[in-house]
Each structure stands twice: as structure tokens, then as C-alpha cells.
C-alpha atoms as a PDB file:
ATOM      1  CA  MET A   1      -0.047   0.192  -0.141  1.00  0.00           C
ATOM      2  CA  LEU A   2       1.019   3.420  -1.044  1.00  0.00           C
ATOM      3  CA  ASP A   3       2.622   5.531   2.038  1.00  0.00           C
ATOM      4  CA  LEU A   4       1.119   8.547   1.511  1.00  0.00           C
ATOM      5  CA  VAL A   5       2.796   9.888   4.674  1.00  0.00           C
ATOM      6  CA  ALA A   6       6.255   9.351   3.405  1.00  0.00           C
ATOM      7  CA  LEU A   7       4.696  11.598  -0.147  1.00  0.00           C
ATOM      8  CA  ILE A   8       4.726  14.520   1.640  1.00  0.00           C
ATOM      9  CA  ASP A   9       7.586  14.059   4.027  1.00  0.00           C
ATOM     10  CA  ILE A  10       9.250  16.681   1.849  1.00  0.00           C
ATOM     11  CA  LYS A  11      11.498  19.495   3.228  1.00  0.00           C
ATOM     12  CA  PRO A  12      12.261  21.876   0.382  1.00  0.00           C
ATOM     13  CA  GLY A  13      14.727  24.717   0.485  1.00  0.00           C
ATOM     14  CA  PRO A  14      13.613  28.364   0.349  1.00  0.00           C
ATOM     15  CA  ASN A  15      15.638  29.097  -2.673  1.00  0.00           C
ATOM     16  CA  VAL A  16      15.127  28.390  -6.604  1.00  0.00           C
ATOM     17  CA  ILE A  17      18.700  29.059  -6.738  1.00  0.00           C
ATOM     18  CA  GLU A  18      21.636  30.095  -4.458  1.00  0.00           C
ATOM     19  CA  TRP A  19      24.205  31.829  -6.814  1.00  0.00           C
ATOM     20  CA  PRO A  20      25.332  34.023  -8.272  1.00  0.00           C
ATOM     21  CA  ILE A  21      21.864  35.684  -6.361  1.00  0.00           C
ATOM     22  CA  PRO A  22      19.992  33.806  -4.045  1.00  0.00           C
ATOM     23  CA  ILE A  23      16.298  33.218  -5.464  1.00  0.00           C
ATOM     24  CA  GLY A  24      13.498  32.596  -3.137  1.00  0.00           C
ATOM     25  CA  TRP A  25      10.600  30.096  -4.074  1.00  0.00           C
ATOM     26  CA  TYR A  26       8.817  32.869  -2.175  1.00  0.00           C
ATOM     27  CA  GLY A  27       9.051  35.781  -4.094  1.00  0.00           C
ATOM     28  CA  VAL A  28       8.639  33.174  -7.307  1.00  0.00           C
ATOM     29  CA  GLY A  29       5.609  32.281  -5.902  1.00  0.00           C
ATOM     30  CA  TYR A  30       4.468  35.972  -5.943  1.00  0.00           C
ATOM     31  CA  ALA A  31       5.531  36.886  -9.055  1.00  0.00           C
ATOM     32  CA  ILE A  32       3.432  33.777 -10.555  1.00  0.00           C
ATOM     33  CA  ALA A  33       0.590  34.581  -8.592  1.00  0.00           C
ATOM     34  CA  ILE A  34       0.515  38.153 -10.044  1.00  0.00           C
ATOM     35  CA  ALA A  35       0.781  37.292 -13.212  1.00  0.00           C
ATOM     36  CA  THR A  36      -1.754  34.807 -13.081  1.00  0.00           C
ATOM     37  CA  GLY A  37      -4.503  37.272 -11.251  1.00  0.00           C
ATOM     38  CA  THR A  38      -3.552  40.248 -13.543  1.00  0.00           C
ATOM     39  CA  TRP A  39      -4.561  37.338 -16.613  1.00  0.00           C
ATOM     40  CA  VAL A  40      -7.443  36.364 -14.615  1.00  0.00           C
ATOM     41  CA  ALA A  41      -8.566  40.115 -14.236  1.00  0.00           C
ATOM     42  CA  GLN A  42      -8.353  41.113 -17.735  1.00  0.00           C
ATOM     43  CA  ARG A  43     -10.011  38.269 -19.082  1.00  0.00           C
ATOM     44  CA  GLU A  44     -13.098  38.875 -16.375  1.00  0.00           C
ATOM     45  CA  MET A  45     -12.502  43.044 -17.440  1.00  0.00           C
ATOM     46  CA  HIS A  46     -13.088  42.063 -21.357  1.00  0.00           C
ATOM     47  CA  ARG A  47     -16.079  39.605 -20.744  1.00  0.00           C
ATOM     48  CA  ARG A  48     -17.929  42.068 -18.214  1.00  0.00           C
ATOM     49  CA  GLY A  49     -17.524  44.804 -21.293  1.00  0.00           C
ATOM     50  CA  LEU A  50     -14.598  46.875 -19.142  1.00  0.00           C
ATOM     51  CA  ASP A  51     -11.528  47.775 -20.856  1.00  0.00           C
ATOM     52  CA  PRO A  52      -8.659  45.487 -20.163  1.00  0.00           C
ATOM     53  CA  ARG A  53      -6.296  47.715 -20.387  1.00  0.00           C
ATOM     54  CA  VAL A  54      -7.049  49.526 -17.175  1.00  0.00           C
ATOM     55  CA  ILE A  55      -5.722  46.316 -15.511  1.00  0.00           C
ATOM     56  CA  LEU A  56      -2.312  47.022 -16.917  1.00  0.00           C
ATOM     57  CA  ASP A  57      -2.086  50.377 -16.504  1.00  0.00           C
ATOM     58  CA  GLY A  58      -2.809  50.457 -12.686  1.00  0.00           C
ATOM     59  CA  LEU A  59      -0.650  47.377 -12.112  1.00  0.00           C
ATOM     60  CA  LEU A  60       2.512  49.152 -11.194  1.00  0.00           C
ATOM     61  CA  LEU A  61       1.118  51.287  -8.438  1.00  0.00           C
ATOM     62  CA  THR A  62      -1.124  48.752  -7.268  1.00  0.00           C
ATOM     63  CA  VAL A  63       1.756  46.310  -6.964  1.00  0.00           C
ATOM     64  CA  VAL A  64       4.268  48.475  -5.448  1.00  0.00           C
ATOM     65  CA  LEU A  65       1.527  50.050  -2.893  1.00  0.00           C
ATOM     66  CA  GLY A  66       0.702  46.334  -2.068  1.00  0.00           C
ATOM     67  CA  LEU A  67       4.307  45.115  -1.336  1.00  0.00           C
ATOM     68  CA  ILE A  68       4.784  48.274   0.709  1.00  0.00           C
ATOM     69  CA  GLY A  69       1.571  47.376   2.701  1.00  0.00           C
ATOM     70  CA  ALA A  70       2.520  43.832   3.092  1.00  0.00           C
ATOM     71  CA  ARG A  71       5.974  44.135   4.062  1.00  0.00           C
ATOM     72  CA  LEU A  72       4.490  47.202   6.974  1.00  0.00           C
ATOM     73  CA  TYR A  73       2.569  44.453   8.426  1.00  0.00           C
ATOM     74  CA  HIS A  74       4.709  41.697   8.524  1.00  0.00           C
ATOM     75  CA  VAL A  75       7.186  43.896  10.266  1.00  0.00           C
ATOM     76  CA  ILE A  76       4.738  45.141  12.854  1.00  0.00           C
ATOM     77  CA  ASP A  77       3.462  41.158  13.125  1.00  0.00           C
ATOM     78  CA  GLN A  78       7.119  40.506  13.766  1.00  0.00           C
ATOM     79  CA  TRP A  79       8.564  43.290  15.782  1.00  0.00           C
ATOM     80  CA  HIS A  80      10.116  41.062  18.241  1.00  0.00           C
ATOM     81  CA  VAL A  81      13.137  40.182  15.723  1.00  0.00           C
ATOM     82  CA  TYR A  82      13.157  43.468  13.408  1.00  0.00           C
ATOM     83  CA  SER A  83      13.168  45.754  17.007  1.00  0.00           C
ATOM     84  CA  GLN A  84      16.682  44.106  17.544  1.00  0.00           C
ATOM     85  CA  ASP A  85      18.064  45.544  14.228  1.00  0.00           C
ATOM     86  CA  LEU A  86      15.984  48.006  12.266  1.00  0.00           C
ATOM     87  CA  ALA A  87      18.306  47.697   9.180  1.00  0.00           C
ATOM     88  CA  LYS A  88      16.512  43.882   8.935  1.00  0.00           C
ATOM     89  CA  ILE A  89      13.427  45.773   8.093  1.00  0.00           C
ATOM     90  CA  VAL A  90      14.997  46.359   4.231  1.00  0.00           C
ATOM     91  CA  LEU A  91      17.599  43.566   3.804  1.00  0.00           C
ATOM     92  CA  PRO A  92      16.766  41.229   1.404  1.00  0.00           C
ATOM     93  CA  PRO A  93      17.892  37.902   3.741  1.00  0.00           C
ATOM     94  CA  TYR A  94      14.998  39.226   6.209  1.00  0.00           C
ATOM     95  CA  SER A  95      12.112  38.758   3.519  1.00  0.00           C
ATOM     96  CA  GLY A  96       8.453  38.392   4.467  1.00  0.00           C
ATOM     97  CA  LEU A  97       5.291  40.049   3.772  1.00  0.00           C
ATOM     98  CA  GLY A  98       1.857  40.097   5.559  1.00  0.00           C
ATOM     99  CA  LEU A  99      -1.195  39.535   3.162  1.00  0.00           C
ATOM    100  CA  TYR A 100      -3.426  42.241   4.961  1.00  0.00           C
ATOM    101  CA  GLY A 101      -1.064  44.989   4.556  1.00  0.00           C
ATOM    102  CA  GLY A 102      -0.656  43.465   0.892  1.00  0.00           C
ATOM    103  CA  VAL A 103      -4.210  43.952   0.630  1.00  0.00           C
ATOM    104  CA  ALA A 104      -4.566  47.288   2.090  1.00  0.00           C
ATOM    105  CA  GLY A 105      -2.206  48.739  -0.098  1.00  0.00           C
ATOM    106  CA  GLY A 106      -3.216  47.385  -3.122  1.00  0.00           C
ATOM    107  CA  ILE A 107      -6.724  48.533  -2.712  1.00  0.00           C
ATOM    108  CA  LEU A 108      -5.195  52.101  -1.900  1.00  0.00           C
ATOM    109  CA  GLY A 109      -3.078  51.875  -5.043  1.00  0.00           C
ATOM    110  CA  ILE A 110      -5.916  50.824  -7.502  1.00  0.00           C
ATOM    111  CA  ALA A 111      -8.305  53.120  -6.091  1.00  0.00           C
ATOM    112  CA  ILE A 112      -5.844  55.999  -6.786  1.00  0.00           C
ATOM    113  CA  TYR A 113      -5.251  55.250 -10.207  1.00  0.00           C
ATOM    114  CA  LEU A 114      -8.981  54.892 -11.123  1.00  0.00           C
ATOM    115  CA  ARG A 115      -9.879  57.864  -9.349  1.00  0.00           C
ATOM    116  CA  ARG A 116      -7.210  59.894 -11.575  1.00  0.00           C
ATOM    117  CA  ARG A 117      -8.127  58.575 -14.595  1.00  0.00           C
ATOM    118  CA  GLY A 118     -11.821  58.962 -14.096  1.00  0.00           C
ATOM    119  CA  PHE A 119     -12.699  54.910 -14.491  1.00  0.00           C
ATOM    120  CA  PRO A 120     -15.550  53.826 -12.466  1.00  0.00           C
ATOM    121  CA  VAL A 121     -13.924  52.132  -8.954  1.00  0.00           C
ATOM    122  CA  LEU A 122     -16.419  49.196  -7.984  1.00  0.00           C
ATOM    123  CA  PRO A 123     -16.577  47.666 -11.036  1.00  0.00           C
ATOM    124  CA  VAL A 124     -12.638  47.391 -11.300  1.00  0.00           C
ATOM    125  CA  LEU A 125     -12.582  46.458  -7.662  1.00  0.00           C
ATOM    126  CA  ASP A 126     -14.998  43.490  -8.260  1.00  0.00           C
ATOM    127  CA  VAL A 127     -12.822  42.184 -11.304  1.00  0.00           C
ATOM    128  CA  GLY A 128      -9.799  42.580  -8.776  1.00  0.00           C
ATOM    129  CA  ALA A 129     -11.109  40.552  -5.871  1.00  0.00           C
ATOM    130  CA  VAL A 130     -11.614  37.706  -8.428  1.00  0.00           C
ATOM    131  CA  GLY A 131      -7.730  37.814  -9.583  1.00  0.00           C
ATOM    132  CA  PHE A 132      -6.543  38.472  -6.428  1.00  0.00           C
ATOM    133  CA  LEU A 133      -8.406  35.358  -4.961  1.00  0.00           C
ATOM    134  CA  VAL A 134      -6.676  33.317  -7.567  1.00  0.00           C
ATOM    135  CA  GLY A 135      -3.308  35.045  -6.931  1.00  0.00           C
ATOM    136  CA  GLN A 136      -3.590  34.423  -3.081  1.00  0.00           C
ATOM    137  CA  ALA A 137      -4.194  30.469  -4.087  1.00  0.00           C
ATOM    138  CA  ILE A 138      -1.092  30.641  -5.780  1.00  0.00           C
ATOM    139  CA  ALA A 139       0.993  32.627  -3.417  1.00  0.00           C
ATOM    140  CA  ARG A 140       0.535  30.848  -0.493  1.00  0.00           C
ATOM    141  CA  TRP A 141       2.530  28.137  -1.961  1.00  0.00           C
ATOM    142  CA  GLY A 142       5.876  30.010  -0.893  1.00  0.00           C
ATOM    143  CA  ASN A 143       4.808  29.524   2.610  1.00  0.00           C
ATOM    144  CA  PHE A 144       5.439  25.587   1.873  1.00  0.00           C
ATOM    145  CA  PHE A 145       8.734  26.024   0.606  1.00  0.00           C
ATOM    146  CA  ASN A 146       9.949  28.761   3.438  1.00  0.00           C
ATOM    147  CA  GLN A 147       7.997  25.659   6.163  1.00  0.00           C
ATOM    148  CA  GLU A 148       5.753  27.999   7.542  1.00  0.00           C
ATOM    149  CA  LEU A 149       2.066  28.841   8.182  1.00  0.00           C
ATOM    150  CA  TYR A 150       1.587  25.311   9.680  1.00  0.00           C
ATOM    151  CA  GLY A 151      -1.024  24.185  12.450  1.00  0.00           C
ATOM    152  CA  GLY A 152      -0.244  22.039  15.380  1.00  0.00           C
ATOM    153  CA  PRO A 153       0.558  18.176  14.982  1.00  0.00           C
ATOM    154  CA  THR A 154      -2.032  15.869  13.171  1.00  0.00           C
ATOM    155  CA  SER A 155      -1.803  11.817  12.177  1.00  0.00           C
ATOM    156  CA  ALA A 156      -4.051  13.051   8.935  1.00  0.00           C
ATOM    157  CA  PRO A 157      -2.115  11.427   6.006  1.00  0.00           C
ATOM    158  CA  TRP A 158      -1.729  14.833   4.529  1.00  0.00           C
ATOM    159  CA  GLY A 159       0.379  16.536   7.704  1.00  0.00           C
ATOM    160  CA  ILE A 160       3.619  17.964   6.437  1.00  0.00           C
ATOM    161  CA  ALA A 161       7.042  17.259   8.091  1.00  0.00           C
ATOM    162  CA  ILE A 162       8.294  20.778   9.382  1.00  0.00           C
ATOM    163  CA  ASP A 163      12.036  20.461  10.303  1.00  0.00           C
ATOM    164  CA  CYS A 164      13.542  21.353  13.818  1.00  0.00           C
ATOM    165  CA  ALA A 165      15.177  24.790  12.429  1.00  0.00           C
ATOM    166  CA  HIS A 166      11.537  25.976  11.519  1.00  0.00           C
ATOM    167  CA  ARG A 167       9.457  24.881  14.443  1.00  0.00           C
ATOM    168  CA  VAL A 168       7.947  26.802  17.141  1.00  0.00           C
ATOM    169  CA  THR A 169       9.487  26.236  20.500  1.00  0.00           C
ATOM    170  CA  ARG A 170       6.113  24.395  21.657  1.00  0.00           C
ATOM    171  CA  TYR A 171       6.889  21.721  19.167  1.00  0.00           C
ATOM    172  CA  ALA A 172      10.586  20.900  19.627  1.00  0.00           C
ATOM    173  CA  CYS A 173      12.190  17.897  18.231  1.00  0.00           C
ATOM    174  CA  GLU A 174      12.602  15.943  21.452  1.00  0.00           C
ATOM    175  CA  GLN A 175       9.072  15.965  22.317  1.00  0.00           C
ATOM    176  CA  PHE A 176       7.950  15.708  18.695  1.00  0.00           C
ATOM    177  CA  PRO A 177      10.256  13.307  16.385  1.00  0.00           C
ATOM    178  CA  GLU A 178      11.016  14.945  13.357  1.00  0.00           C
ATOM    179  CA  ALA A 179      10.569  11.623  11.298  1.00  0.00           C
ATOM    180  CA  THR A 180       7.219  10.876  12.726  1.00  0.00           C
ATOM    181  CA  THR A 181       5.369  14.065  13.206  1.00  0.00           C
ATOM    182  CA  GLY A 182       3.315  15.578  10.603  1.00  0.00           C
ATOM    183  CA  PHE A 183       1.574  18.949  11.077  1.00  0.00           C
ATOM    184  CA  HIS A 184      -1.677  20.887   9.628  1.00  0.00           C
ATOM    185  CA  PRO A 185      -0.620  22.503   6.263  1.00  0.00           C
ATOM    186  CA  LEU A 186      -2.494  25.530   6.935  1.00  0.00           C
ATOM    187  CA  PHE A 187      -0.829  27.418   3.658  1.00  0.00           C
ATOM    188  CA  PHE A 188      -2.410  24.552   1.773  1.00  0.00           C
ATOM    189  CA  TYR A 189      -5.806  24.698   3.507  1.00  0.00           C
ATOM    190  CA  GLU A 190      -6.162  28.423   2.699  1.00  0.00           C
ATOM    191  CA  SER A 191      -4.662  28.031  -1.004  1.00  0.00           C
ATOM    192  CA  ALA A 192      -7.777  25.605  -1.483  1.00  0.00           C
ATOM    193  CA  LEU A 193     -10.220  27.740   0.188  1.00  0.00           C
ATOM    194  CA  THR A 194      -9.427  31.244  -1.350  1.00  0.00           C
ATOM    195  CA  LEU A 195      -9.636  28.992  -4.863  1.00  0.00           C
ATOM    196  CA  SER A 196     -12.806  27.836  -3.910  1.00  0.00           C
ATOM    197  CA  GLY A 197     -13.636  31.551  -3.137  1.00  0.00           C
ATOM    198  CA  ALA A 198     -12.495  32.625  -6.723  1.00  0.00           C
ATOM    199  CA  LEU A 199     -14.856  30.099  -8.325  1.00  0.00           C
ATOM    200  CA  ILE A 200     -17.626  30.792  -6.274  1.00  0.00           C
ATOM    201  CA  ALA A 201     -17.485  34.327  -6.994  1.00  0.00           C
ATOM    202  CA  LEU A 202     -17.493  33.468 -10.944  1.00  0.00           C
ATOM    203  CA  LEU A 203     -20.377  31.243 -10.221  1.00  0.00           C
ATOM    204  CA  LEU A 204     -22.170  34.261  -8.358  1.00  0.00           C
ATOM    205  CA  PHE A 205     -21.706  36.587 -11.467  1.00  0.00           C
ATOM    206  CA  ARG A 206     -22.272  34.311 -14.137  1.00  0.00           C
ATOM    207  CA  ARG A 207     -25.627  32.844 -12.607  1.00  0.00           C
ATOM    208  CA  TYR A 208     -26.832  36.296 -10.787  1.00  0.00           C
ATOM    209  CA  SER A 209     -25.442  39.110 -12.569  1.00  0.00           C
ATOM    210  CA  HIS A 210     -28.918  40.264 -12.825  1.00  0.00           C
ATOM    211  CA  ARG A 211     -29.266  40.987  -9.235  1.00  0.00           C
ATOM    212  CA  LEU A 212     -25.755  41.896  -8.459  1.00  0.00           C
ATOM    213  CA  ARG A 213     -24.673  45.357  -7.814  1.00  0.00           C
ATOM    214  CA  ASP A 214     -21.361  46.584  -8.646  1.00  0.00           C
ATOM    215  CA  GLY A 215     -19.100  46.314  -5.760  1.00  0.00           C
ATOM    216  CA  ASP A 216     -20.617  43.134  -4.490  1.00  0.00           C
ATOM    217  CA  ILE A 217     -18.337  40.758  -5.569  1.00  0.00           C
ATOM    218  CA  PHE A 218     -15.757  43.061  -3.884  1.00  0.00           C
ATOM    219  CA  ALA A 219     -17.845  42.877  -0.441  1.00  0.00           C
ATOM    220  CA  PHE A 220     -17.699  38.726  -1.205  1.00  0.00           C
ATOM    221  CA  TRP A 221     -14.072  39.060  -1.096  1.00  0.00           C
ATOM    222  CA  PHE A 222     -14.073  40.498   2.435  1.00  0.00           C
ATOM    223  CA  ILE A 223     -16.813  37.911   3.743  1.00  0.00           C
ATOM    224  CA  TRP A 224     -15.229  34.783   2.190  1.00  0.00           C
ATOM    225  CA  TYR A 225     -11.227  35.513   3.118  1.00  0.00           C
ATOM    226  CA  GLY A 226     -12.261  37.164   6.349  1.00  0.00           C
ATOM    227  CA  THR A 227     -14.101  33.771   7.526  1.00  0.00           C
ATOM    228  CA  VAL A 228     -11.468  31.811   5.984  1.00  0.00           C
ATOM    229  CA  ARG A 229      -8.698  33.321   7.778  1.00  0.00           C
ATOM    230  CA  ALA A 230     -10.203  33.964  10.842  1.00  0.00           C
ATOM    231  CA  LEU A 231     -10.653  30.396  11.440  1.00  0.00           C
ATOM    232  CA  LEU A 232      -7.264  28.966  10.375  1.00  0.00           C
ATOM    233  CA  GLU A 233      -5.727  31.481  12.581  1.00  0.00           C
ATOM    234  CA  THR A 234      -7.126  29.793  15.414  1.00  0.00           C
ATOM    235  CA  PHE A 235      -5.108  26.409  14.417  1.00  0.00           C
ATOM    236  CA  ARG A 236      -1.670  28.298  13.368  1.00  0.00           C
ATOM    237  CA  GLU A 237       1.425  28.212  15.451  1.00  0.00           C
ATOM    238  CA  GLY A 238       4.103  31.044  16.010  1.00  0.00           C
ATOM    239  CA  TYR A 239       1.938  34.188  15.293  1.00  0.00           C
ATOM    240  CA  ASN A 240       3.320  37.056  17.554  1.00  0.00           C
ATOM    241  CA  TRP A 241       1.010  40.238  17.486  1.00  0.00           C
ATOM    242  CA  THR A 242      -1.735  39.882  19.395  1.00  0.00           C
ATOM    243  CA  LEU A 243      -4.500  42.832  21.338  1.00  0.00           C
ATOM    244  CA  GLY A 244      -5.918  41.318  24.385  1.00  0.00           C
ATOM    245  CA  GLY A 245      -4.277  37.782  23.924  1.00  0.00           C
ATOM    246  CA  ILE A 246      -5.992  37.503  20.660  1.00  0.00           C
ATOM    247  CA  PRO A 247      -4.216  37.347  17.323  1.00  0.00           C
ATOM    248  CA  VAL A 248      -4.472  40.566  15.425  1.00  0.00           C
ATOM    249  CA  ALA A 249      -5.070  38.453  12.617  1.00  0.00           C
ATOM    250  CA  ILE A 250      -8.070  36.909  13.755  1.00  0.00           C
ATOM    251  CA  LEU A 251      -9.661  40.309  14.785  1.00  0.00           C
ATOM    252  CA  ILE A 252      -8.865  41.748  11.013  1.00  0.00           C
ATOM    253  CA  GLY A 253     -10.669  38.684   9.603  1.00  0.00           C
ATOM    254  CA  VAL A 254     -13.756  39.260  12.091  1.00  0.00           C
ATOM    255  CA  ALA A 255     -13.585  43.217  10.888  1.00  0.00           C
ATOM    256  CA  ALA A 256     -13.075  41.981   7.337  1.00  0.00           C
ATOM    257  CA  VAL A 257     -16.480  39.906   7.730  1.00  0.00           C
ATOM    258  CA  LEU A 258     -18.176  42.665   9.258  1.00  0.00           C
ATOM    259  CA  PHE A 259     -17.208  45.416   6.599  1.00  0.00           C
ATOM    260  CA  GLY A 260     -17.995  43.333   3.887  1.00  0.00           C
ATOM    261  CA  THR A 261     -21.659  42.440   5.590  1.00  0.00           C
ATOM    262  CA  GLY A 262     -22.157  46.244   6.213  1.00  0.00           C
ATOM    263  CA  PHE A 263     -21.274  47.199   2.508  1.00  0.00           C
ATOM    264  CA  LEU A 264     -23.207  44.922   0.679  1.00  0.00           C
ATOM    265  CA  VAL A 265     -26.305  45.848   3.097  1.00  0.00           C
ATOM    266  CA  TRP A 266     -25.725  49.533   2.154  1.00  0.00           C
ATOM    267  CA  ASN A 267     -25.050  48.618  -1.362  1.00  0.00           C
ATOM    268  CA  HIS A 268     -28.566  47.380  -1.974  1.00  0.00           C
ATOM    269  CA  ARG A 269     -30.108  50.067  -0.120  1.00  0.00           C
ATOM    270  CA  ARG A 270     -29.060  53.047  -1.856  1.00  0.00           C
ATOM    271  CA  PRO A 271     -30.500  53.939  -5.225  1.00  0.00           C
ATOM    272  CA  GLY A 272     -29.591  52.995  -8.308  1.00  0.00           C
ATOM    273  CA  ALA A 273     -30.414  50.537 -10.946  1.00  0.00           C
ATOM    274  CA  SER A 274     -29.158  46.712 -10.846  1.00  0.00           C
ATOM    275  CA  ARG A 275     -25.579  45.889 -12.807  1.00  0.00           C
ATOM    276  CA  ALA A 276     -27.589  44.392 -15.477  1.00  0.00           C
ATOM    277  CA  ALA A 277     -29.964  47.221 -15.930  1.00  0.00           C
ATOM    278  CA  ARG A 278     -26.887  49.636 -16.231  1.00  0.00           C
ATOM    279  CA  ILE A 279     -24.937  47.506 -18.917  1.00  0.00           C
ATOM    280  CA  ALA A 280     -28.072  46.899 -20.925  1.00  0.00           C
ATOM    281  CA  LEU A 281     -28.475  51.118 -21.098  1.00  0.00           C
ATOM    282  CA  ALA A 282     -25.302  51.238 -22.124  1.00  0.00           C
ATOM    283  CA  GLU A 283     -25.531  48.482 -25.295  1.00  0.00           C
ATOM    284  CA  ALA A 284     -28.740  50.491 -26.026  1.00  0.00           C
ATOM    285  CA  GLU A 285     -26.587  53.431 -26.269  1.00  0.00           C
ATOM    286  CA  ARG A 286     -23.940  51.966 -28.238  1.00  0.00           C
ATOM    287  CA  ALA A 287     -26.447  50.714 -30.850  1.00  0.00           C
ATOM    288  CA  VAL A 288     -28.220  54.420 -30.863  1.00  0.00           C
ATOM    289  CA  ALA A 289     -24.750  56.083 -31.520  1.00  0.00           C
ATOM    290  CA  GLY A 290     -23.683  53.283 -33.996  1.00  0.00           C
ATOM    291  CA  ARG A 291     -20.579  52.000 -32.259  1.00  0.00           C
ATOM    292  CA  PRO A 292     -19.309  48.755 -31.996  1.00  0.00           C
ATOM    293  CA  PRO A 293     -19.671  46.217 -28.810  1.00  0.00           C
ATOM    294  CA  PRO A 294     -16.479  46.171 -26.411  1.00  0.00           C
ATOM    295  CA  ASP A 295     -13.555  43.826 -27.655  1.00  0.00           C
ATOM    296  CA  GLY A 296     -10.871  44.585 -25.887  1.00  0.00           C
ATOM    297  CA  ASN A 297      -8.624  46.147 -28.854  1.00  0.00           C
ATOM    298  CA  ALA A 298      -6.747  49.088 -28.474  1.00  0.00           C
ATOM    299  CA  GLY A 299      -8.282  52.050 -29.519  1.00  0.00           C
ATOM    300  CA  ASP A 300     -11.609  50.911 -28.699  1.00  0.00           C
ATOM    301  CA  SER A 301     -13.829  53.565 -28.487  1.00  0.00           C
ATOM    302  CA  THR A 302     -16.734  51.733 -26.886  1.00  0.00           C
ATOM    303  CA  PRO A 303     -18.079  52.957 -23.553  1.00  0.00           C
ATOM    304  CA  ILE A 304     -17.185  51.912 -19.863  1.00  0.00           C
ATOM    305  CA  ALA A 305     -20.114  50.878 -17.919  1.00  0.00           C
ATOM    306  CA  ALA A 306     -19.573  52.862 -14.557  1.00  0.00           C
ATOM    307  CA  ASP A 307     -21.308  52.780 -11.209  1.00  0.00           C
ATOM    308  CA  HIS A 308     -22.230  55.728  -9.559  1.00  0.00           C
ATOM    309  CA  GLY A 309     -25.732  56.003 -11.265  1.00  0.00           C
ATOM    310  CA  GLY A 310     -25.277  54.308 -14.524  1.00  0.00           C
ATOM    311  CA  ASP A 311     -22.936  56.629 -15.818  1.00  0.00           C
ATOM    312  CA  VAL A 312     -21.020  55.595 -18.961  1.00  0.00           C
ATOM    313  CA  ILE A 313     -17.108  56.679 -19.432  1.00  0.00           C
ATOM    314  CA  ASP A 314     -15.601  56.790 -23.164  1.00  0.00           C
ATOM    315  CA  ARG A 315     -11.916  55.470 -24.084  1.00  0.00           C
ATOM    316  CA  PRO A 316     -10.062  57.549 -26.372  1.00  0.00           C
ATOM    317  CA  ALA A 317     -11.342  57.283 -29.482  1.00  0.00           C
ATOM    318  CA  GLN A 318      -9.074  55.952 -32.864  1.00  0.00           C
ATOM    319  CA  PRO A 319      -9.139  58.145 -35.578  1.00  0.00           C
ATOM    320  CA  SER A 320     -11.479  56.967 -38.226  1.00  0.00           C
ATOM    321  CA  THR A 321     -12.231  57.615 -41.881  1.00  0.00           C
ATOM    322  CA  ARG A 322     -15.939  57.755 -40.863  1.00  0.00           C
ATOM    323  CA  SER A 323     -18.622  60.899 -41.089  1.00  0.00           C
ATOM    324  CA  ASP A 324     -20.087  59.556 -37.741  1.00  0.00           C
ATOM    325  CA  PRO A 325     -19.889  63.077 -35.397  1.00  0.00           C
ATOM    326  CA  GLU A 326     -19.459  60.697 -32.652  1.00  0.00           C
ATOM    327  CA  GLN A 327     -16.154  60.438 -33.242  1.00  0.00           C
ATOM    328  CA  ALA A 328     -15.239  63.556 -34.754  1.00  0.00           C
END
């Protein structure tokens, strides 16, 4: 009979290559996550009649502020390490990112970009939420290579091995032998659940689009991920940032659920047409003006269906030989 425990008794090194410059799996995972999440978001933008170029144009600011926020959260969470030597905050060997900080920075970045460009914020945040869930599912595997984000010991066949150097004091190898002790792979649980959240978000949009409003999927992300994180944090080992004896990550997760729920209620109580009605209106305006439907090509002059009362924002028009006053 196949020994399942032996199959996952793998303790990988943190780096893809060591020379000439160490490149960590953690960073590679984030790069793949950003690329994949961006691709998913662009496809969803195109499918929903929005300009997919918005995602790439705003990506740099979003990623930069996201990384700054993620690093800041991690430093605060692990302050006992960095307070002894502040240089470690910026030195490459002492890497580490906190997802909550990355979310806050990323949302701030995309919101700033969209507001400056005059694009509708909520529809893009809906799309971004789906891409972010997919990216999260991929990025969490960086924790596997770093042997972190694990729970307590388990006899389940999917328990993972953690070497002595990466264990918290509570589970030292003297009491929990390395050869026979497996730990809950919380990174895998979170990866699977966030990927499930992305699939559910896509299903909701495709089957219940007529009932959704711009911002609903964005609110769903807060509810879904806040719940997942708050539950998984109760099994996590090695957290340090607490408030009143409660891990701050749990408190933020609960706050995220409350925010998402409150936003959802407010979003459906405020006046305004449903998303489906606004898209139908935009399509009707295209037909009257003699403009083609959105195809995501560069230079497309089709409108972007906006939030805030169903406004329509035109993209820059491409020069044309037609005597159409709309493109004059």
C-alpha cells in the first residue's frame, strides 16, 4: 500500500537557486501569483464589457503599494525580530510579507489610479477581487517552501513535515520527533479555500448577474477571506502580534467580515439601477450611436459601464475615416 505520509515528507529549501544571487521560491510564487491574477482579471474585464487595459495600466502602482503594505504588516507582526536591528526591515535576507497589509496597499493603489483616470472604481474592484483570490491561492505555496504557516501536530495522512529549525518552541523535536510528526498544512487549506472562493465569485457573477450590483463581489471577498483567515488563525502556530491576548489576524478577519456584510447591505439599499440594467442601458446607447460592442482591442472607442448611477465613460477614440459625429 502506498505510504501517503512519505509522499509529503518533503522539506524543501527556500531558494530556487543559490548562486550568483539567491532567488527564493517565496518571491517566485508571488511573481507567478501576480501574473496569473492579472491575467484572470483582464479576462474578466473583457467579459464584463470593461477595458482590460485598465488592469495593466494600474498594475505598477497597485503592486508597489501592495508590497509596501505587506512588508509593513509583516514587520509589525514580527516586531520582536526587527526591533533588535532596524536594518533587517530592508535587508533582502530578512524577507516576509503580511497579506492583510498587501490587501490594504493594493486597494489603495488601484483606487488612486482609477480616481485619477476617472474610471469607475467598484466594477474594477469586483474584477480585482476575483484575480486576487486566484493570486492568493498561488502565493500561499511560498509558505510551503519556507516551512511556515502550519498548524499543530496531526496524524492525518496530509500532515507535512517541518524540520527542527523551523518549528516553534512548543513543538521542539525532543518531544515531537521529526521522522514521525506531521503538522496541519494551513497554507494548503488557505490556498484551496481561496481558490474555491474565486470559483464561487465567478459562479455568482455568471448566474446571478441580474441581481448583483457593482461592488458585491468586492464585498464577497471581504466576507469570504475574512471568514477563512479568522478560522485558520485559530490553528496557526508562531504568531506574535496580539491584542488583548487575541491574534490581530483573527480580529482583522472578523472586522473584514463585518465590513463586507455592512457594505453589501448598504450597496443594495442605496438608490441606483442593478448592474444588469446599467449594462443594458449602455448597450442601447452603443446601438443608437452606431458604435461596436467592446472587444478589448487597443483604440476601441466603446464606453465603459460605470458605477455611480449608471454613468458611461468613453475610452479615447481611434481616428476613423467615417463621417460619424461621435468620433469627430
